[in-house]
Amino acid sequence: MLEAGTVLHLAGSGRLILRSNASLKINSFLYDNKGHKVAKVMEIFGPSKSPYVSATPLTDKITEILGKKLYTSKGDLNNC
């Protein structure tokens, strides 16, 4: 697993907002530190070197991942 970014907050839309340090693909999955699938990338925006990611939560335990690092698989990264 590769680090995808850190969860900043839960938006009013119900999506998680992350600051990413990886070039993620739309529809890729994000995992917690235990390898559980917790979110799906829906939108990427902001500066290309350190973009923000809007992701749909796939868990009811959102408060447990706020402020935490999330991870992705190598196949879910764009080749840049």
PDB file of N, CA and C in Angstrom:
ATOM      1  N   MET A   1       0.841  -1.190   0.000  1.00  0.00           N
ATOM      2  CA  MET A   1       0.000   0.000   0.000  1.00  0.00           C
ATOM      3  C   MET A   1       0.883   1.250   0.000  1.00  0.00           C
ATOM      4  N   LEU A   2       0.435   2.242  -0.730  1.00  0.00           N
ATOM      5  CA  LEU A   2       1.150   3.510  -0.829  1.00  0.00           C
ATOM      6  C   LEU A   2       0.313   4.612  -0.198  1.00  0.00           C
ATOM      7  N   GLU A   3       0.964   5.560   0.452  1.00  0.00           N
ATOM      8  CA  GLU A   3       0.243   6.655   1.094  1.00  0.00           C
ATOM      9  C   GLU A   3      -0.454   7.515   0.040  1.00  0.00           C
ATOM     10  N   ALA A   4      -1.748   7.764   0.246  1.00  0.00           N
ATOM     11  CA  ALA A   4      -2.533   8.566  -0.693  1.00  0.00           C
ATOM     12  C   ALA A   4      -2.695   9.997  -0.210  1.00  0.00           C
ATOM     13  N   GLY A   5      -2.793  10.200   1.102  1.00  0.00           N
ATOM     14  CA  GLY A   5      -2.974  11.528   1.650  1.00  0.00           C
ATOM     15  C   GLY A   5      -3.624  11.482   3.021  1.00  0.00           C
ATOM     16  N   THR A   6      -3.901  12.666   3.545  1.00  0.00           N
ATOM     17  CA  THR A   6      -4.458  12.809   4.888  1.00  0.00           C
ATOM     18  C   THR A   6      -5.860  13.388   4.815  1.00  0.00           C
ATOM     19  N   VAL A   7      -6.781  12.809   5.563  1.00  0.00           N
ATOM     20  CA  VAL A   7      -8.167  13.287   5.604  1.00  0.00           C
ATOM     21  C   VAL A   7      -8.203  14.606   6.392  1.00  0.00           C
ATOM     22  N   LEU A   8      -8.669  15.670   5.745  1.00  0.00           N
ATOM     23  CA  LEU A   8      -8.748  16.981   6.385  1.00  0.00           C
ATOM     24  C   LEU A   8     -10.066  17.179   7.121  1.00  0.00           C
ATOM     25  N   HIS A   9     -11.168  16.874   6.430  1.00  0.00           N
ATOM     26  CA  HIS A   9     -12.480  17.063   7.051  1.00  0.00           C
ATOM     27  C   HIS A   9     -13.583  16.386   6.245  1.00  0.00           C
ATOM     28  N   LEU A  10     -14.760  16.412   6.806  1.00  0.00           N
ATOM     29  CA  LEU A  10     -15.957  15.914   6.141  1.00  0.00           C
ATOM     30  C   LEU A  10     -16.709  17.128   5.613  1.00  0.00           C
ATOM     31  N   ALA A  11     -16.901  17.192   4.312  1.00  0.00           N
ATOM     32  CA  ALA A  11     -17.587  18.325   3.682  1.00  0.00           C
ATOM     33  C   ALA A  11     -19.094  18.243   3.930  1.00  0.00           C
ATOM     34  N   GLY A  12     -19.779  19.339   3.738  1.00  0.00           N
ATOM     35  CA  GLY A  12     -21.224  19.383   3.877  1.00  0.00           C
ATOM     36  C   GLY A  12     -21.936  18.438   2.935  1.00  0.00           C
ATOM     37  N   SER A  13     -21.282  18.083   1.835  1.00  0.00           N
ATOM     38  CA  SER A  13     -21.846  17.157   0.854  1.00  0.00           C
ATOM     39  C   SER A  13     -21.791  15.710   1.339  1.00  0.00           C
ATOM     40  N   GLY A  14     -21.064  15.475   2.442  1.00  0.00           N
ATOM     41  CA  GLY A  14     -20.908  14.120   2.956  1.00  0.00           C
ATOM     42  C   GLY A  14     -19.646  13.441   2.465  1.00  0.00           C
ATOM     43  N   ARG A  15     -18.876  14.127   1.642  1.00  0.00           N
ATOM     44  CA  ARG A  15     -17.631  13.560   1.138  1.00  0.00           C
ATOM     45  C   ARG A  15     -16.452  13.919   2.041  1.00  0.00           C
ATOM     46  N   LEU A  16     -15.465  13.049   2.035  1.00  0.00           N
ATOM     47  CA  LEU A  16     -14.219  13.307   2.741  1.00  0.00           C
ATOM     48  C   LEU A  16     -13.327  14.162   1.853  1.00  0.00           C
ATOM     49  N   ILE A  17     -12.629  15.120   2.444  1.00  0.00           N
ATOM     50  CA  ILE A  17     -11.677  15.941   1.706  1.00  0.00           C
ATOM     51  C   ILE A  17     -10.284  15.594   2.222  1.00  0.00           C
ATOM     52  N   LEU A  18      -9.412  15.233   1.288  1.00  0.00           N
ATOM     53  CA  LEU A  18      -8.046  14.859   1.631  1.00  0.00           C
ATOM     54  C   LEU A  18      -7.066  15.782   0.944  1.00  0.00           C
ATOM     55  N   ARG A  19      -5.906  15.958   1.561  1.00  0.00           N
ATOM     56  CA  ARG A  19      -4.777  16.612   0.892  1.00  0.00           C
ATOM     57  C   ARG A  19      -3.902  15.460   0.429  1.00  0.00           C
ATOM     58  N   SER A  20      -3.728  15.325  -0.860  1.00  0.00           N
ATOM     59  CA  SER A  20      -3.026  14.172  -1.410  1.00  0.00           C
ATOM     60  C   SER A  20      -1.575  14.485  -1.723  1.00  0.00           C
ATOM     61  N   ASN A  21      -0.753  13.480  -1.616  1.00  0.00           N
ATOM     62  CA  ASN A  21       0.640  13.596  -2.037  1.00  0.00           C
ATOM     63  C   ASN A  21       0.929  12.573  -3.135  1.00  0.00           C
ATOM     64  N   ALA A  22      -0.140  12.073  -3.743  1.00  0.00           N
ATOM     65  CA  ALA A  22      -0.019  11.082  -4.815  1.00  0.00           C
ATOM     66  C   ALA A  22      -0.936  11.481  -5.967  1.00  0.00           C
ATOM     67  N   SER A  23      -0.626  11.000  -7.141  1.00  0.00           N
ATOM     68  CA  SER A  23      -1.441  11.276  -8.315  1.00  0.00           C
ATOM     69  C   SER A  23      -2.466  10.153  -8.463  1.00  0.00           C
ATOM     70  N   LEU A  24      -3.612  10.328  -7.817  1.00  0.00           N
ATOM     71  CA  LEU A  24      -4.653   9.300  -7.781  1.00  0.00           C
ATOM     72  C   LEU A  24      -5.534   9.333  -9.024  1.00  0.00           C
ATOM     73  N   LYS A  25      -6.180   8.220  -9.295  1.00  0.00           N
ATOM     74  CA  LYS A  25      -7.157   8.125 -10.380  1.00  0.00           C
ATOM     75  C   LYS A  25      -8.560   8.280  -9.805  1.00  0.00           C
ATOM     76  N   ILE A  26      -9.460   8.852 -10.603  1.00  0.00           N
ATOM     77  CA  ILE A  26     -10.877   8.899 -10.246  1.00  0.00           C
ATOM     78  C   ILE A  26     -11.371   7.449 -10.123  1.00  0.00           C
ATOM     79  N   ASN A  27     -12.259   7.199  -9.183  1.00  0.00           N
ATOM     80  CA  ASN A  27     -12.841   5.883  -8.902  1.00  0.00           C
ATOM     81  C   ASN A  27     -11.884   4.904  -8.219  1.00  0.00           C
ATOM     82  N   SER A  28     -10.696   5.365  -7.822  1.00  0.00           N
ATOM     83  CA  SER A  28      -9.805   4.471  -7.090  1.00  0.00           C
ATOM     84  C   SER A  28     -10.260   4.392  -5.634  1.00  0.00           C
ATOM     85  N   PHE A  29      -9.860   3.339  -4.954  1.00  0.00           N
ATOM     86  CA  PHE A  29     -10.261   3.128  -3.569  1.00  0.00           C
ATOM     87  C   PHE A  29      -9.165   3.560  -2.616  1.00  0.00           C
ATOM     88  N   LEU A  30      -9.587   4.009  -1.448  1.00  0.00           N
ATOM     89  CA  LEU A  30      -8.670   4.417  -0.390  1.00  0.00           C
ATOM     90  C   LEU A  30      -8.871   3.486   0.798  1.00  0.00           C
ATOM     91  N   TYR A  31      -7.779   3.181   1.481  1.00  0.00           N
ATOM     92  CA  TYR A  31      -7.784   2.208   2.571  1.00  0.00           C
ATOM     93  C   TYR A  31      -7.218   2.825   3.845  1.00  0.00           C
ATOM     94  N   ASP A  32      -7.665   2.317   4.996  1.00  0.00           N
ATOM     95  CA  ASP A  32      -7.101   2.768   6.264  1.00  0.00           C
ATOM     96  C   ASP A  32      -5.803   2.005   6.525  1.00  0.00           C
ATOM     97  N   ASN A  33      -5.183   2.262   7.677  1.00  0.00           N
ATOM     98  CA  ASN A  33      -3.894   1.637   7.976  1.00  0.00           C
ATOM     99  C   ASN A  33      -3.999   0.130   8.235  1.00  0.00           C
ATOM    100  N   LYS A  34      -5.212  -0.388   8.366  1.00  0.00           N
ATOM    101  CA  LYS A  34      -5.417  -1.824   8.552  1.00  0.00           C
ATOM    102  C   LYS A  34      -5.777  -2.525   7.243  1.00  0.00           C
ATOM    103  N   GLY A  35      -5.848  -1.746   6.150  1.00  0.00           N
ATOM    104  CA  GLY A  35      -6.156  -2.315   4.841  1.00  0.00           C
ATOM    105  C   GLY A  35      -7.633  -2.418   4.524  1.00  0.00           C
ATOM    106  N   HIS A  36      -8.484  -1.778   5.352  1.00  0.00           N
ATOM    107  CA  HIS A  36      -9.922  -1.786   5.086  1.00  0.00           C
ATOM    108  C   HIS A  36     -10.272  -0.689   4.087  1.00  0.00           C
ATOM    109  N   LYS A  37     -11.094  -1.011   3.103  1.00  0.00           N
ATOM    110  CA  LYS A  37     -11.553  -0.042   2.109  1.00  0.00           C
ATOM    111  C   LYS A  37     -12.482   0.949   2.800  1.00  0.00           C
ATOM    112  N   VAL A  38     -12.126   2.257   2.782  1.00  0.00           N
ATOM    113  CA  VAL A  38     -12.918   3.250   3.518  1.00  0.00           C
ATOM    114  C   VAL A  38     -13.483   4.373   2.656  1.00  0.00           C
ATOM    115  N   ALA A  39     -12.996   4.534   1.409  1.00  0.00           N
ATOM    116  CA  ALA A  39     -13.493   5.628   0.568  1.00  0.00           C
ATOM    117  C   ALA A  39     -13.178   5.360  -0.904  1.00  0.00           C
ATOM    118  N   LYS A  40     -13.913   6.078  -1.755  1.00  0.00           N
ATOM    119  CA  LYS A  40     -13.714   5.994  -3.206  1.00  0.00           C
ATOM    120  C   LYS A  40     -13.511   7.405  -3.744  1.00  0.00           C
ATOM    121  N   VAL A  41     -12.458   7.622  -4.505  1.00  0.00           N
ATOM    122  CA  VAL A  41     -12.126   8.934  -5.061  1.00  0.00           C
ATOM    123  C   VAL A  41     -13.160   9.336  -6.110  1.00  0.00           C
ATOM    124  N   MET A  42     -13.734  10.526  -5.939  1.00  0.00           N
ATOM    125  CA  MET A  42     -14.750  11.019  -6.873  1.00  0.00           C
ATOM    126  C   MET A  42     -14.271  12.230  -7.675  1.00  0.00           C
ATOM    127  N   GLU A  43     -13.421  13.054  -7.060  1.00  0.00           N
ATOM    128  CA  GLU A  43     -12.989  14.296  -7.713  1.00  0.00           C
ATOM    129  C   GLU A  43     -11.605  14.669  -7.214  1.00  0.00           C
ATOM    130  N   ILE A  44     -10.807  15.251  -8.105  1.00  0.00           N
ATOM    131  CA  ILE A  44      -9.472  15.738  -7.762  1.00  0.00           C
ATOM    132  C   ILE A  44      -9.404  17.192  -8.210  1.00  0.00           C
ATOM    133  N   PHE A  45      -8.936  18.081  -7.322  1.00  0.00           N
ATOM    134  CA  PHE A  45      -8.907  19.501  -7.660  1.00  0.00           C
ATOM    135  C   PHE A  45      -7.758  20.195  -6.940  1.00  0.00           C
ATOM    136  N   GLY A  46      -7.436  21.394  -7.389  1.00  0.00           N
ATOM    137  CA  GLY A  46      -6.371  22.169  -6.764  1.00  0.00           C
ATOM    138  C   GLY A  46      -5.053  22.007  -7.496  1.00  0.00           C
ATOM    139  N   PRO A  47      -3.956  22.405  -6.837  1.00  0.00           N
ATOM    140  CA  PRO A  47      -2.638  22.369  -7.490  1.00  0.00           C
ATOM    141  C   PRO A  47      -2.207  20.941  -7.817  1.00  0.00           C
ATOM    142  N   SER A  48      -1.589  20.762  -8.972  1.00  0.00           N
ATOM    143  CA  SER A  48      -1.228  19.417  -9.433  1.00  0.00           C
ATOM    144  C   SER A  48      -0.151  18.754  -8.575  1.00  0.00           C
ATOM    145  N   LYS A  49       0.700  19.523  -7.924  1.00  0.00           N
ATOM    146  CA  LYS A  49       1.756  18.932  -7.098  1.00  0.00           C
ATOM    147  C   LYS A  49       1.232  18.408  -5.762  1.00  0.00           C
ATOM    148  N   SER A  50       0.175  19.002  -5.262  1.00  0.00           N
ATOM    149  CA  SER A  50      -0.395  18.573  -3.978  1.00  0.00           C
ATOM    150  C   SER A  50      -1.908  18.803  -4.011  1.00  0.00           C
ATOM    151  N   PRO A  51      -2.616  17.990  -4.801  1.00  0.00           N
ATOM    152  CA  PRO A  51      -4.048  18.231  -5.007  1.00  0.00           C
ATOM    153  C   PRO A  51      -4.910  17.837  -3.805  1.00  0.00           C
ATOM    154  N   TYR A  52      -6.122  18.321  -3.853  1.00  0.00           N
ATOM    155  CA  TYR A  52      -7.140  17.897  -2.897  1.00  0.00           C
ATOM    156  C   TYR A  52      -7.960  16.804  -3.563  1.00  0.00           C
ATOM    157  N   VAL A  53      -8.488  15.926  -2.746  1.00  0.00           N
ATOM    158  CA  VAL A  53      -9.291  14.810  -3.244  1.00  0.00           C
ATOM    159  C   VAL A  53     -10.618  14.808  -2.506  1.00  0.00           C
ATOM    160  N   SER A  54     -11.698  14.670  -3.247  1.00  0.00           N
ATOM    161  CA  SER A  54     -13.031  14.506  -2.683  1.00  0.00           C
ATOM    162  C   SER A  54     -13.387  13.032  -2.849  1.00  0.00           C
ATOM    163  N   ALA A  55     -13.700  12.369  -1.722  1.00  0.00           N
ATOM    164  CA  ALA A  55     -13.947  10.932  -1.764  1.00  0.00           C
ATOM    165  C   ALA A  55     -15.234  10.577  -1.017  1.00  0.00           C
ATOM    166  N   THR A  56     -15.979   9.661  -1.568  1.00  0.00           N
ATOM    167  CA  THR A  56     -17.199   9.168  -0.936  1.00  0.00           C
ATOM    168  C   THR A  56     -16.826   8.136   0.133  1.00  0.00           C
ATOM    169  N   PRO A  57     -17.265   8.354   1.371  1.00  0.00           N
ATOM    170  CA  PRO A  57     -16.961   7.378   2.419  1.00  0.00           C
ATOM    171  C   PRO A  57     -17.669   6.044   2.158  1.00  0.00           C
ATOM    172  N   LEU A  58     -17.003   4.961   2.492  1.00  0.00           N
ATOM    173  CA  LEU A  58     -17.575   3.627   2.361  1.00  0.00           C
ATOM    174  C   LEU A  58     -17.715   2.976   3.739  1.00  0.00           C
ATOM    175  N   THR A  59     -17.668   3.788   4.773  1.00  0.00           N
ATOM    176  CA  THR A  59     -17.759   3.313   6.143  1.00  0.00           C
ATOM    177  C   THR A  59     -18.622   4.262   6.961  1.00  0.00           C
ATOM    178  N   ASP A  60     -19.199   3.751   8.024  1.00  0.00           N
ATOM    179  CA  ASP A  60     -19.973   4.589   8.940  1.00  0.00           C
ATOM    180  C   ASP A  60     -19.077   5.195  10.008  1.00  0.00           C
ATOM    181  N   LYS A  61     -17.846   4.746  10.104  1.00  0.00           N
ATOM    182  CA  LYS A  61     -16.913   5.187  11.149  1.00  0.00           C
ATOM    183  C   LYS A  61     -16.045   6.344  10.659  1.00  0.00           C
ATOM    184  N   ILE A  62     -16.695   7.373  10.148  1.00  0.00           N
ATOM    185  CA  ILE A  62     -15.990   8.506   9.548  1.00  0.00           C
ATOM    186  C   ILE A  62     -15.128   9.233  10.567  1.00  0.00           C
ATOM    187  N   THR A  63     -15.630   9.411  11.779  1.00  0.00           N
ATOM    188  CA  THR A  63     -14.859  10.151  12.786  1.00  0.00           C
ATOM    189  C   THR A  63     -13.531   9.465  13.107  1.00  0.00           C
ATOM    190  N   GLU A  64     -13.447   8.161  12.895  1.00  0.00           N
ATOM    191  CA  GLU A  64     -12.214   7.436  13.177  1.00  0.00           C
ATOM    192  C   GLU A  64     -11.130   7.674  12.134  1.00  0.00           C
ATOM    193  N   ILE A  65     -11.510   8.155  10.946  1.00  0.00           N
ATOM    194  CA  ILE A  65     -10.501   8.388   9.908  1.00  0.00           C
ATOM    195  C   ILE A  65     -10.205   9.869   9.686  1.00  0.00           C
ATOM    196  N   LEU A  66     -10.944  10.758  10.344  1.00  0.00           N
ATOM    197  CA  LEU A  66     -10.654  12.190  10.222  1.00  0.00           C
ATOM    198  C   LEU A  66      -9.263  12.469  10.788  1.00  0.00           C
ATOM    199  N   GLY A  67      -8.442  13.163  10.015  1.00  0.00           N
ATOM    200  CA  GLY A  67      -7.083  13.481  10.430  1.00  0.00           C
ATOM    201  C   GLY A  67      -6.077  12.358  10.211  1.00  0.00           C
ATOM    202  N   LYS A  68      -6.526  11.224   9.714  1.00  0.00           N
ATOM    203  CA  LYS A  68      -5.649  10.058   9.517  1.00  0.00           C
ATOM    204  C   LYS A  68      -5.160   9.975   8.074  1.00  0.00           C
ATOM    205  N   LYS A  69      -4.069   9.254   7.888  1.00  0.00           N
ATOM    206  CA  LYS A  69      -3.551   8.991   6.551  1.00  0.00           C
ATOM    207  C   LYS A  69      -4.324   7.838   5.945  1.00  0.00           C
ATOM    208  N   LEU A  70      -4.598   7.957   4.647  1.00  0.00           N
ATOM    209  CA  LEU A  70      -5.226   6.873   3.902  1.00  0.00           C
ATOM    210  C   LEU A  70      -4.237   6.404   2.841  1.00  0.00           C
ATOM    211  N   TYR A  71      -4.489   5.210   2.344  1.00  0.00           N
ATOM    212  CA  TYR A  71      -3.545   4.556   1.446  1.00  0.00           C
ATOM    213  C   TYR A  71      -4.257   4.058   0.186  1.00  0.00           C
ATOM    214  N   THR A  72      -3.466   3.772  -0.839  1.00  0.00           N
ATOM    215  CA  THR A  72      -4.001   3.259  -2.091  1.00  0.00           C
ATOM    216  C   THR A  72      -3.065   2.180  -2.634  1.00  0.00           C
ATOM    217  N   SER A  73      -3.516   1.486  -3.634  1.00  0.00           N
ATOM    218  CA  SER A  73      -2.656   0.488  -4.273  1.00  0.00           C
ATOM    219  C   SER A  73      -1.921   1.132  -5.445  1.00  0.00           C
ATOM    220  N   LYS A  74      -0.826   0.553  -5.842  1.00  0.00           N
ATOM    221  CA  LYS A  74      -0.008   1.107  -6.928  1.00  0.00           C
ATOM    222  C   LYS A  74      -0.815   1.227  -8.219  1.00  0.00           C
ATOM    223  N   GLY A  75      -1.735   0.320  -8.467  1.00  0.00           N
ATOM    224  CA  GLY A  75      -2.551   0.343  -9.674  1.00  0.00           C
ATOM    225  C   GLY A  75      -3.525   1.506  -9.738  1.00  0.00           C
ATOM    226  N   ASP A  76      -3.764   2.164  -8.586  1.00  0.00           N
ATOM    227  CA  ASP A  76      -4.693   3.295  -8.543  1.00  0.00           C
ATOM    228  C   ASP A  76      -3.999   4.640  -8.674  1.00  0.00           C
ATOM    229  N   LEU A  77      -2.726   4.628  -9.057  1.00  0.00           N
ATOM    230  CA  LEU A  77      -1.986   5.866  -9.266  1.00  0.00           C
ATOM    231  C   LEU A  77      -1.878   6.143 -10.753  1.00  0.00           C
ATOM    232  N   ASN A  78      -1.940   7.440 -11.110  1.00  0.00           N
ATOM    233  CA  ASN A  78      -1.680   7.845 -12.497  1.00  0.00           C
ATOM    234  C   ASN A  78      -0.192   7.778 -12.731  1.00  0.00           C
ATOM    235  N   ASN A  79       0.202   7.416 -13.925  1.00  0.00           N
ATOM    236  CA  ASN A  79       1.623   7.405 -14.268  1.00  0.00           C
ATOM    237  C   ASN A  79       2.018   8.793 -14.722  1.00  0.00           C
ATOM    238  N   CYS A  80       2.673   9.517 -13.826  1.00  0.00           N
ATOM    239  CA  CYS A  80       3.096  10.885 -14.138  1.00  0.00           C
ATOM    240  C   CYS A  80       4.597  10.975 -14.170  1.00  0.00           C
TER     241      CYS A  80
END
